[in-house]
Amino acid sequence: MELLFVVLGGAIIGLAGRYLLPNRHTHGSVLIPAIGVAAASILWVALTWAGLKWDGGWIWWITLLGTALVVAVADIVIGRVRSTADDRMLHTLARGAVVR
């Protein structure tokens, strides 16, 4: 049952990241929330395997703050990579070259 709440928390953090971080025009509307869900789930399971109790406070703090960090880094990296690729493609098309 706790994993369901963790997944929901990851989705909410991902949605917040989608609309609060600056690069939302460079990726789809579900990508960052999906990264939030995956990060929260993986962190939770890893911390559970590491021996943290699910009813303790530390596992929740580490999972949710770690998810927020992963979402922020993912948004920044994806935004930069896609903006650079778009600029390169625009430069290539402006020269009249054939794109393969």
PDB file of N, CA and C in Angstrom:
ATOM      1  N   MET A   1       0.815  -1.192   0.000  1.00  0.00           N
ATOM      2  CA  MET A   1       0.000   0.000   0.000  1.00  0.00           C
ATOM      3  C   MET A   1       0.864   1.263   0.000  1.00  0.00           C
ATOM      4  N   GLU A   2       1.997   1.203   0.713  1.00  0.00           N
ATOM      5  CA  GLU A   2       2.861   2.373   0.773  1.00  0.00           C
ATOM      6  C   GLU A   2       3.464   2.696  -0.589  1.00  0.00           C
ATOM      7  N   LEU A   3       3.752   1.657  -1.375  1.00  0.00           N
ATOM      8  CA  LEU A   3       4.311   1.885  -2.700  1.00  0.00           C
ATOM      9  C   LEU A   3       3.333   2.674  -3.573  1.00  0.00           C
ATOM     10  N   LEU A   4       2.043   2.457  -3.384  1.00  0.00           N
ATOM     11  CA  LEU A   4       1.036   3.239  -4.104  1.00  0.00           C
ATOM     12  C   LEU A   4       1.135   4.721  -3.740  1.00  0.00           C
ATOM     13  N   PHE A   5       1.319   5.014  -2.464  1.00  0.00           N
ATOM     14  CA  PHE A   5       1.464   6.407  -2.034  1.00  0.00           C
ATOM     15  C   PHE A   5       2.765   7.013  -2.542  1.00  0.00           C
ATOM     16  N   VAL A   6       3.808   6.216  -2.602  1.00  0.00           N
ATOM     17  CA  VAL A   6       5.084   6.690  -3.121  1.00  0.00           C
ATOM     18  C   VAL A   6       4.954   7.018  -4.606  1.00  0.00           C
ATOM     19  N   VAL A   7       4.299   6.161  -5.354  1.00  0.00           N
ATOM     20  CA  VAL A   7       4.086   6.406  -6.784  1.00  0.00           C
ATOM     21  C   VAL A   7       3.245   7.669  -6.983  1.00  0.00           C
ATOM     22  N   LEU A   8       2.221   7.843  -6.185  1.00  0.00           N
ATOM     23  CA  LEU A   8       1.396   9.048  -6.261  1.00  0.00           C
ATOM     24  C   LEU A   8       2.215  10.285  -5.925  1.00  0.00           C
ATOM     25  N   GLY A   9       3.051  10.191  -4.893  1.00  0.00           N
ATOM     26  CA  GLY A   9       3.919  11.318  -4.539  1.00  0.00           C
ATOM     27  C   GLY A   9       4.896  11.639  -5.657  1.00  0.00           C
ATOM     28  N   GLY A  10       5.460  10.609  -6.292  1.00  0.00           N
ATOM     29  CA  GLY A  10       6.364  10.830  -7.422  1.00  0.00           C
ATOM     30  C   GLY A  10       5.658  11.489  -8.596  1.00  0.00           C
ATOM     31  N   ALA A  11       4.417  11.093  -8.841  1.00  0.00           N
ATOM     32  CA  ALA A  11       3.646  11.712  -9.927  1.00  0.00           C
ATOM     33  C   ALA A  11       3.349  13.175  -9.627  1.00  0.00           C
ATOM     34  N   ILE A  12       3.022  13.475  -8.389  1.00  0.00           N
ATOM     35  CA  ILE A  12       2.732  14.864  -8.005  1.00  0.00           C
ATOM     36  C   ILE A  12       3.993  15.718  -8.102  1.00  0.00           C
ATOM     37  N   ILE A  13       5.118  15.188  -7.637  1.00  0.00           N
ATOM     38  CA  ILE A  13       6.383  15.926  -7.748  1.00  0.00           C
ATOM     39  C   ILE A  13       6.747  16.123  -9.220  1.00  0.00           C
ATOM     40  N   GLY A  14       6.530  15.097 -10.037  1.00  0.00           N
ATOM     41  CA  GLY A  14       6.797  15.226 -11.466  1.00  0.00           C
ATOM     42  C   GLY A  14       5.899  16.250 -12.141  1.00  0.00           C
ATOM     43  N   LEU A  15       4.637  16.269 -11.758  1.00  0.00           N
ATOM     44  CA  LEU A  15       3.727  17.279 -12.319  1.00  0.00           C
ATOM     45  C   LEU A  15       4.123  18.680 -11.884  1.00  0.00           C
ATOM     46  N   ALA A  16       4.525  18.822 -10.631  1.00  0.00           N
ATOM     47  CA  ALA A  16       4.992  20.126 -10.158  1.00  0.00           C
ATOM     48  C   ALA A  16       6.234  20.549 -10.932  1.00  0.00           C
ATOM     49  N   GLY A  17       7.142  19.604 -11.140  1.00  0.00           N
ATOM     50  CA  GLY A  17       8.335  19.910 -11.918  1.00  0.00           C
ATOM     51  C   GLY A  17       8.003  20.280 -13.350  1.00  0.00           C
ATOM     52  N   ARG A  18       7.035  19.608 -13.909  1.00  0.00           N
ATOM     53  CA  ARG A  18       6.623  19.889 -15.291  1.00  0.00           C
ATOM     54  C   ARG A  18       6.188  21.337 -15.449  1.00  0.00           C
ATOM     55  N   TYR A  19       5.448  21.865 -14.481  1.00  0.00           N
ATOM     56  CA  TYR A  19       4.897  23.207 -14.626  1.00  0.00           C
ATOM     57  C   TYR A  19       5.683  24.288 -13.904  1.00  0.00           C
ATOM     58  N   LEU A  20       6.612  23.926 -13.033  1.00  0.00           N
ATOM     59  CA  LEU A  20       7.392  24.939 -12.321  1.00  0.00           C
ATOM     60  C   LEU A  20       8.798  25.128 -12.892  1.00  0.00           C
ATOM     61  N   LEU A  21       9.320  24.130 -13.574  1.00  0.00           N
ATOM     62  CA  LEU A  21      10.665  24.231 -14.134  1.00  0.00           C
ATOM     63  C   LEU A  21      10.592  24.825 -15.542  1.00  0.00           C
ATOM     64  N   PRO A  22      11.672  25.451 -16.001  1.00  0.00           N
ATOM     65  CA  PRO A  22      11.587  26.296 -17.197  1.00  0.00           C
ATOM     66  C   PRO A  22      11.575  25.598 -18.555  1.00  0.00           C
ATOM     67  N   ASN A  23      11.862  24.327 -18.651  1.00  0.00           N
ATOM     68  CA  ASN A  23      12.054  23.706 -19.967  1.00  0.00           C
ATOM     69  C   ASN A  23      10.867  22.892 -20.448  1.00  0.00           C
ATOM     70  N   ARG A  24       9.670  23.226 -20.062  1.00  0.00           N
ATOM     71  CA  ARG A  24       8.527  22.375 -20.426  1.00  0.00           C
ATOM     72  C   ARG A  24       8.209  22.399 -21.909  1.00  0.00           C
ATOM     73  N   HIS A  25       8.704  23.390 -22.645  1.00  0.00           N
ATOM     74  CA  HIS A  25       8.450  23.440 -24.087  1.00  0.00           C
ATOM     75  C   HIS A  25       9.341  22.487 -24.875  1.00  0.00           C
ATOM     76  N   THR A  26      10.294  21.845 -24.199  1.00  0.00           N
ATOM     77  CA  THR A  26      11.229  20.972 -24.906  1.00  0.00           C
ATOM     78  C   THR A  26      10.909  19.490 -24.791  1.00  0.00           C
ATOM     79  N   HIS A  27       9.871  19.141 -24.061  1.00  0.00           N
ATOM     80  CA  HIS A  27       9.539  17.717 -23.918  1.00  0.00           C
ATOM     81  C   HIS A  27       8.033  17.549 -23.780  1.00  0.00           C
ATOM     82  N   GLY A  28       7.591  16.324 -23.857  1.00  0.00           N
ATOM     83  CA  GLY A  28       6.168  16.024 -23.786  1.00  0.00           C
ATOM     84  C   GLY A  28       5.594  16.239 -22.397  1.00  0.00           C
ATOM     85  N   SER A  29       4.297  16.229 -22.309  1.00  0.00           N
ATOM     86  CA  SER A  29       3.627  16.563 -21.060  1.00  0.00           C
ATOM     87  C   SER A  29       3.700  15.459 -20.010  1.00  0.00           C
ATOM     88  N   VAL A  30       4.042  14.237 -20.394  1.00  0.00           N
ATOM     89  CA  VAL A  30       4.043  13.130 -19.449  1.00  0.00           C
ATOM     90  C   VAL A  30       5.466  12.673 -19.098  1.00  0.00           C
ATOM     91  N   LEU A  31       6.460  13.167 -19.808  1.00  0.00           N
ATOM     92  CA  LEU A  31       7.821  12.674 -19.603  1.00  0.00           C
ATOM     93  C   LEU A  31       8.338  12.940 -18.186  1.00  0.00           C
ATOM     94  N   ILE A  32       8.257  14.147 -17.719  1.00  0.00           N
ATOM     95  CA  ILE A  32       8.795  14.484 -16.395  1.00  0.00           C
ATOM     96  C   ILE A  32       7.978  13.828 -15.280  1.00  0.00           C
ATOM     97  N   PRO A  33       6.640  13.820 -15.332  1.00  0.00           N
ATOM     98  CA  PRO A  33       5.914  13.054 -14.307  1.00  0.00           C
ATOM     99  C   PRO A  33       6.250  11.564 -14.327  1.00  0.00           C
ATOM    100  N   ALA A  34       6.478  10.988 -15.503  1.00  0.00           N
ATOM    101  CA  ALA A  34       6.859   9.572 -15.582  1.00  0.00           C
ATOM    102  C   ALA A  34       8.235   9.344 -14.964  1.00  0.00           C
ATOM    103  N   ILE A  35       9.145  10.268 -15.167  1.00  0.00           N
ATOM    104  CA  ILE A  35      10.454  10.171 -14.526  1.00  0.00           C
ATOM    105  C   ILE A  35      10.300  10.270 -13.014  1.00  0.00           C
ATOM    106  N   GLY A  36       9.394  11.127 -12.546  1.00  0.00           N
ATOM    107  CA  GLY A  36       9.133  11.236 -11.114  1.00  0.00           C
ATOM    108  C   GLY A  36       8.591   9.947 -10.523  1.00  0.00           C
ATOM    109  N   VAL A  37       7.676   9.310 -11.218  1.00  0.00           N
ATOM    110  CA  VAL A  37       7.114   8.036 -10.754  1.00  0.00           C
ATOM    111  C   VAL A  37       8.191   6.966 -10.703  1.00  0.00           C
ATOM    112  N   ALA A  38       8.989   6.876 -11.765  1.00  0.00           N
ATOM    113  CA  ALA A  38      10.044   5.854 -11.806  1.00  0.00           C
ATOM    114  C   ALA A  38      11.089   6.096 -10.725  1.00  0.00           C
ATOM    115  N   ALA A  39      11.496   7.345 -10.552  1.00  0.00           N
ATOM    116  CA  ALA A  39      12.516   7.656  -9.553  1.00  0.00           C
ATOM    117  C   ALA A  39      12.017   7.353  -8.142  1.00  0.00           C
ATOM    118  N   ALA A  40      10.779   7.739  -7.850  1.00  0.00           N
ATOM    119  CA  ALA A  40      10.231   7.478  -6.522  1.00  0.00           C
ATOM    120  C   ALA A  40      10.120   5.982  -6.250  1.00  0.00           C
ATOM    121  N   SER A  41       9.667   5.238  -7.230  1.00  0.00           N
ATOM    122  CA  SER A  41       9.526   3.787  -7.059  1.00  0.00           C
ATOM    123  C   SER A  41      10.876   3.117  -6.848  1.00  0.00           C
ATOM    124  N   ILE A  42      11.846   3.479  -7.664  1.00  0.00           N
ATOM    125  CA  ILE A  42      13.170   2.868  -7.556  1.00  0.00           C
ATOM    126  C   ILE A  42      13.836   3.234  -6.235  1.00  0.00           C
ATOM    127  N   LEU A  43      13.749   4.502  -5.846  1.00  0.00           N
ATOM    128  CA  LEU A  43      14.326   4.915  -4.566  1.00  0.00           C
ATOM    129  C   LEU A  43      13.676   4.186  -3.400  1.00  0.00           C
ATOM    130  N   TRP A  44      12.366   4.077  -3.420  1.00  0.00           N
ATOM    131  CA  TRP A  44      11.645   3.417  -2.332  1.00  0.00           C
ATOM    132  C   TRP A  44      12.056   1.955  -2.194  1.00  0.00           C
ATOM    133  N   VAL A  45      12.081   1.261  -3.310  1.00  0.00           N
ATOM    134  CA  VAL A  45      12.444  -0.153  -3.271  1.00  0.00           C
ATOM    135  C   VAL A  45      13.898  -0.327  -2.842  1.00  0.00           C
ATOM    136  N   ALA A  46      14.789   0.517  -3.345  1.00  0.00           N
ATOM    137  CA  ALA A  46      16.199   0.427  -2.963  1.00  0.00           C
ATOM    138  C   ALA A  46      16.380   0.694  -1.468  1.00  0.00           C
ATOM    139  N   LEU A  47      15.680   1.678  -0.951  1.00  0.00           N
ATOM    140  CA  LEU A  47      15.793   1.987   0.478  1.00  0.00           C
ATOM    141  C   LEU A  47      15.154   0.901   1.335  1.00  0.00           C
ATOM    142  N   THR A  48      14.104   0.291   0.841  1.00  0.00           N
ATOM    143  CA  THR A  48      13.494  -0.824   1.565  1.00  0.00           C
ATOM    144  C   THR A  48      14.450  -2.013   1.606  1.00  0.00           C
ATOM    145  N   TRP A  49      15.091  -2.307   0.483  1.00  0.00           N
ATOM    146  CA  TRP A  49      16.075  -3.385   0.439  1.00  0.00           C
ATOM    147  C   TRP A  49      17.283  -3.069   1.317  1.00  0.00           C
ATOM    148  N   ALA A  50      17.596  -1.775   1.473  1.00  0.00           N
ATOM    149  CA  ALA A  50      18.726  -1.366   2.306  1.00  0.00           C
ATOM    150  C   ALA A  50      18.416  -1.489   3.795  1.00  0.00           C
ATOM    151  N   GLY A  51      17.165  -1.741   4.130  1.00  0.00           N
ATOM    152  CA  GLY A  51      16.814  -1.989   5.517  1.00  0.00           C
ATOM    153  C   GLY A  51      16.024  -0.895   6.208  1.00  0.00           C
ATOM    154  N   LEU A  52      15.706   0.190   5.506  1.00  0.00           N
ATOM    155  CA  LEU A  52      14.894   1.230   6.135  1.00  0.00           C
ATOM    156  C   LEU A  52      13.464   0.737   6.276  1.00  0.00           C
ATOM    157  N   LYS A  53      12.859   1.035   7.389  1.00  0.00           N
ATOM    158  CA  LYS A  53      11.477   0.614   7.648  1.00  0.00           C
ATOM    159  C   LYS A  53      10.509   1.553   6.938  1.00  0.00           C
ATOM    160  N   TRP A  54       9.457   0.991   6.376  1.00  0.00           N
ATOM    161  CA  TRP A  54       8.502   1.788   5.612  1.00  0.00           C
ATOM    162  C   TRP A  54       7.703   2.736   6.495  1.00  0.00           C
ATOM    163  N   ASP A  55       7.622   2.453   7.806  1.00  0.00           N
ATOM    164  CA  ASP A  55       6.867   3.341   8.689  1.00  0.00           C
ATOM    165  C   ASP A  55       7.759   4.376   9.371  1.00  0.00           C
ATOM    166  N   GLY A  56       9.028   4.435   8.990  1.00  0.00           N
ATOM    167  CA  GLY A  56       9.938   5.442   9.527  1.00  0.00           C
ATOM    168  C   GLY A  56       9.876   6.710   8.695  1.00  0.00           C
ATOM    169  N   GLY A  57      10.339   7.791   9.236  1.00  0.00           N
ATOM    170  CA  GLY A  57      10.286   9.063   8.523  1.00  0.00           C
ATOM    171  C   GLY A  57      11.385   9.245   7.493  1.00  0.00           C
ATOM    172  N   TRP A  58      12.548   8.651   7.750  1.00  0.00           N
ATOM    173  CA  TRP A  58      13.678   8.866   6.852  1.00  0.00           C
ATOM    174  C   TRP A  58      13.432   8.336   5.449  1.00  0.00           C
ATOM    175  N   ILE A  59      12.799   7.207   5.331  1.00  0.00           N
ATOM    176  CA  ILE A  59      12.571   6.646   4.001  1.00  0.00           C
ATOM    177  C   ILE A  59      11.683   7.569   3.159  1.00  0.00           C
ATOM    178  N   TRP A  60      10.724   8.206   3.810  1.00  0.00           N
ATOM    179  CA  TRP A  60       9.849   9.124   3.092  1.00  0.00           C
ATOM    180  C   TRP A  60      10.593  10.377   2.666  1.00  0.00           C
ATOM    181  N   TRP A  61      11.380  10.958   3.583  1.00  0.00           N
ATOM    182  CA  TRP A  61      12.128  12.167   3.251  1.00  0.00           C
ATOM    183  C   TRP A  61      13.131  11.910   2.142  1.00  0.00           C
ATOM    184  N   ILE A  62      13.884  10.831   2.258  1.00  0.00           N
ATOM    185  CA  ILE A  62      14.893  10.524   1.245  1.00  0.00           C
ATOM    186  C   ILE A  62      14.238  10.269  -0.110  1.00  0.00           C
ATOM    187  N   THR A  63      13.147   9.526  -0.110  1.00  0.00           N
ATOM    188  CA  THR A  63      12.470   9.210  -1.370  1.00  0.00           C
ATOM    189  C   THR A  63      11.903  10.457  -2.033  1.00  0.00           C
ATOM    190  N   LEU A  64      11.193  11.268  -1.296  1.00  0.00           N
ATOM    191  CA  LEU A  64      10.541  12.424  -1.908  1.00  0.00           C
ATOM    192  C   LEU A  64      11.534  13.518  -2.296  1.00  0.00           C
ATOM    193  N   LEU A  65      12.523  13.774  -1.455  1.00  0.00           N
ATOM    194  CA  LEU A  65      13.528  14.775  -1.817  1.00  0.00           C
ATOM    195  C   LEU A  65      14.423  14.275  -2.953  1.00  0.00           C
ATOM    196  N   GLY A  66      14.753  12.989  -2.927  1.00  0.00           N
ATOM    197  CA  GLY A  66      15.527  12.414  -4.026  1.00  0.00           C
ATOM    198  C   GLY A  66      14.773  12.472  -5.345  1.00  0.00           C
ATOM    199  N   THR A  67      13.478  12.224  -5.277  1.00  0.00           N
ATOM    200  CA  THR A  67      12.648  12.318  -6.482  1.00  0.00           C
ATOM    201  C   THR A  67      12.616  13.743  -7.014  1.00  0.00           C
ATOM    202  N   ALA A  68      12.487  14.711  -6.131  1.00  0.00           N
ATOM    203  CA  ALA A  68      12.496  16.117  -6.561  1.00  0.00           C
ATOM    204  C   ALA A  68      13.822  16.475  -7.222  1.00  0.00           C
ATOM    205  N   LEU A  69      14.918  15.976  -6.682  1.00  0.00           N
ATOM    206  CA  LEU A  69      16.231  16.238  -7.261  1.00  0.00           C
ATOM    207  C   LEU A  69      16.360  15.590  -8.641  1.00  0.00           C
ATOM    208  N   VAL A  70      15.926  14.348  -8.759  1.00  0.00           N
ATOM    209  CA  VAL A  70      15.993  13.648 -10.049  1.00  0.00           C
ATOM    210  C   VAL A  70      15.138  14.357 -11.090  1.00  0.00           C
ATOM    211  N   VAL A  71      13.944  14.793 -10.709  1.00  0.00           N
ATOM    212  CA  VAL A  71      13.049  15.490 -11.637  1.00  0.00           C
ATOM    213  C   VAL A  71      13.677  16.804 -12.100  1.00  0.00           C
ATOM    214  N   ALA A  72      14.260  17.557 -11.184  1.00  0.00           N
ATOM    215  CA  ALA A  72      14.872  18.838 -11.546  1.00  0.00           C
ATOM    216  C   ALA A  72      16.054  18.633 -12.484  1.00  0.00           C
ATOM    217  N   VAL A  73      16.916  17.679 -12.172  1.00  0.00           N
ATOM    218  CA  VAL A  73      18.077  17.413 -13.023  1.00  0.00           C
ATOM    219  C   VAL A  73      17.632  16.907 -14.390  1.00  0.00           C
ATOM    220  N   ALA A  74      16.653  16.026 -14.422  1.00  0.00           N
ATOM    221  CA  ALA A  74      16.160  15.498 -15.701  1.00  0.00           C
ATOM    222  C   ALA A  74      15.593  16.609 -16.568  1.00  0.00           C
ATOM    223  N   ASP A  75      14.826  17.512 -15.983  1.00  0.00           N
ATOM    224  CA  ASP A  75      14.241  18.607 -16.753  1.00  0.00           C
ATOM    225  C   ASP A  75      15.330  19.512 -17.325  1.00  0.00           C
ATOM    226  N   ILE A  76      16.329  19.811 -16.525  1.00  0.00           N
ATOM    227  CA  ILE A  76      17.405  20.692 -16.985  1.00  0.00           C
ATOM    228  C   ILE A  76      18.219  20.015 -18.084  1.00  0.00           C
ATOM    229  N   VAL A  77      18.592  18.770 -17.881  1.00  0.00           N
ATOM    230  CA  VAL A  77      19.419  18.063 -18.871  1.00  0.00           C
ATOM    231  C   VAL A  77      18.647  17.839 -20.167  1.00  0.00           C
ATOM    232  N   ILE A  78      17.423  17.368 -20.069  1.00  0.00           N
ATOM    233  CA  ILE A  78      16.622  17.125 -21.279  1.00  0.00           C
ATOM    234  C   ILE A  78      16.387  18.433 -22.020  1.00  0.00           C
ATOM    235  N   GLY A  79      16.110  19.500 -21.304  1.00  0.00           N
ATOM    236  CA  GLY A  79      15.893  20.801 -21.940  1.00  0.00           C
ATOM    237  C   GLY A  79      17.119  21.283 -22.696  1.00  0.00           C
ATOM    238  N   ARG A  80      18.297  21.157 -22.075  1.00  0.00           N
ATOM    239  CA  ARG A  80      19.525  21.599 -22.740  1.00  0.00           C
ATOM    240  C   ARG A  80      19.843  20.753 -23.965  1.00  0.00           C
ATOM    241  N   VAL A  81      19.722  19.444 -23.822  1.00  0.00           N
ATOM    242  CA  VAL A  81      20.046  18.552 -24.936  1.00  0.00           C
ATOM    243  C   VAL A  81      19.101  18.797 -26.112  1.00  0.00           C
ATOM    244  N   ARG A  82      17.839  18.914 -25.828  1.00  0.00           N
ATOM    245  CA  ARG A  82      16.876  19.100 -26.927  1.00  0.00           C
ATOM    246  C   ARG A  82      16.982  20.482 -27.554  1.00  0.00           C
ATOM    247  N   SER A  83      17.264  21.512 -26.758  1.00  0.00           N
ATOM    248  CA  SER A  83      17.446  22.851 -27.327  1.00  0.00           C
ATOM    249  C   SER A  83      18.672  22.892 -28.232  1.00  0.00           C
ATOM    250  N   THR A  84      19.752  22.259 -27.795  1.00  0.00           N
ATOM    251  CA  THR A  84      20.964  22.197 -28.609  1.00  0.00           C
ATOM    252  C   THR A  84      20.707  21.434 -29.902  1.00  0.00           C
ATOM    253  N   ALA A  85      20.011  20.317 -29.817  1.00  0.00           N
ATOM    254  CA  ALA A  85      19.699  19.537 -31.021  1.00  0.00           C
ATOM    255  C   ALA A  85      18.795  20.320 -31.965  1.00  0.00           C
ATOM    256  N   ASP A  86      17.819  21.043 -31.410  1.00  0.00           N
ATOM    257  CA  ASP A  86      16.936  21.851 -32.250  1.00  0.00           C
ATOM    258  C   ASP A  86      17.711  22.969 -32.952  1.00  0.00           C
ATOM    259  N   ASP A  87      18.617  23.624 -32.226  1.00  0.00           N
ATOM    260  CA  ASP A  87      19.422  24.685 -32.836  1.00  0.00           C
ATOM    261  C   ASP A  87      20.321  24.135 -33.936  1.00  0.00           C
ATOM    262  N   ARG A  88      20.912  22.975 -33.687  1.00  0.00           N
ATOM    263  CA  ARG A  88      21.765  22.345 -34.695  1.00  0.00           C
ATOM    264  C   ARG A  88      20.942  21.981 -35.935  1.00  0.00           C
ATOM    265  N   MET A  89      19.759  21.444 -35.728  1.00  0.00           N
ATOM    266  CA  MET A  89      18.899  21.075 -36.852  1.00  0.00           C
ATOM    267  C   MET A  89      18.467  22.314 -37.633  1.00  0.00           C
ATOM    268  N   LEU A  90      18.122  23.393 -36.928  1.00  0.00           N
ATOM    269  CA  LEU A  90      17.734  24.630 -37.606  1.00  0.00           C
ATOM    270  C   LEU A  90      18.885  25.182 -38.423  1.00  0.00           C
ATOM    271  N   HIS A  91      20.088  25.142 -37.874  1.00  0.00           N
ATOM    272  CA  HIS A  91      21.268  25.606 -38.613  1.00  0.00           C
ATOM    273  C   HIS A  91      21.500  24.748 -39.852  1.00  0.00           C
ATOM    274  N   THR A  92      21.348  23.435 -39.714  1.00  0.00           N
ATOM    275  CA  THR A  92      21.530  22.523 -40.846  1.00  0.00           C
ATOM    276  C   THR A  92      20.481  22.779 -41.925  1.00  0.00           C
ATOM    277  N   LEU A  93      19.236  22.963 -41.520  1.00  0.00           N
ATOM    278  CA  LEU A  93      18.170  23.203 -42.494  1.00  0.00           C
ATOM    279  C   LEU A  93      18.300  24.578 -43.153  1.00  0.00           C
ATOM    280  N   ALA A  94      18.807  25.542 -42.408  1.00  0.00           N
ATOM    281  CA  ALA A  94      18.975  26.891 -42.960  1.00  0.00           C
ATOM    282  C   ALA A  94      20.050  26.900 -44.056  1.00  0.00           C
ATOM    283  N   ARG A  95      21.024  26.009 -43.973  1.00  0.00           N
ATOM    284  CA  ARG A  95      22.057  25.913 -45.000  1.00  0.00           C
ATOM    285  C   ARG A  95      21.554  25.199 -46.229  1.00  0.00           C
ATOM    286  N   GLY A  96      20.454  24.511 -46.147  1.00  0.00           N
ATOM    287  CA  GLY A  96      19.907  23.784 -47.283  1.00  0.00           C
ATOM    288  C   GLY A  96      20.456  22.382 -47.421  1.00  0.00           C
ATOM    289  N   ALA A  97      21.041  21.876 -46.368  1.00  0.00           N
ATOM    290  CA  ALA A  97      21.611  20.522 -46.420  1.00  0.00           C
ATOM    291  C   ALA A  97      20.511  19.484 -46.252  1.00  0.00           C
ATOM    292  N   VAL A  98      20.805  18.306 -46.746  1.00  0.00           N
ATOM    293  CA  VAL A  98      19.873  17.193 -46.597  1.00  0.00           C
ATOM    294  C   VAL A  98      20.103  16.563 -45.226  1.00  0.00           C
ATOM    295  N   VAL A  99      19.034  16.381 -44.486  1.00  0.00           N
ATOM    296  CA  VAL A  99      19.127  15.791 -43.154  1.00  0.00           C
ATOM    297  C   VAL A  99      18.814  14.310 -43.236  1.00  0.00           C
ATOM    298  N   ARG A 100      19.673  13.487 -42.669  1.00  0.00           N
ATOM    299  CA  ARG A 100      19.439  12.046 -42.691  1.00  0.00           C
ATOM    300  C   ARG A 100      19.158  11.560 -41.321  1.00  0.00           C
TER     301      ARG A 100
END
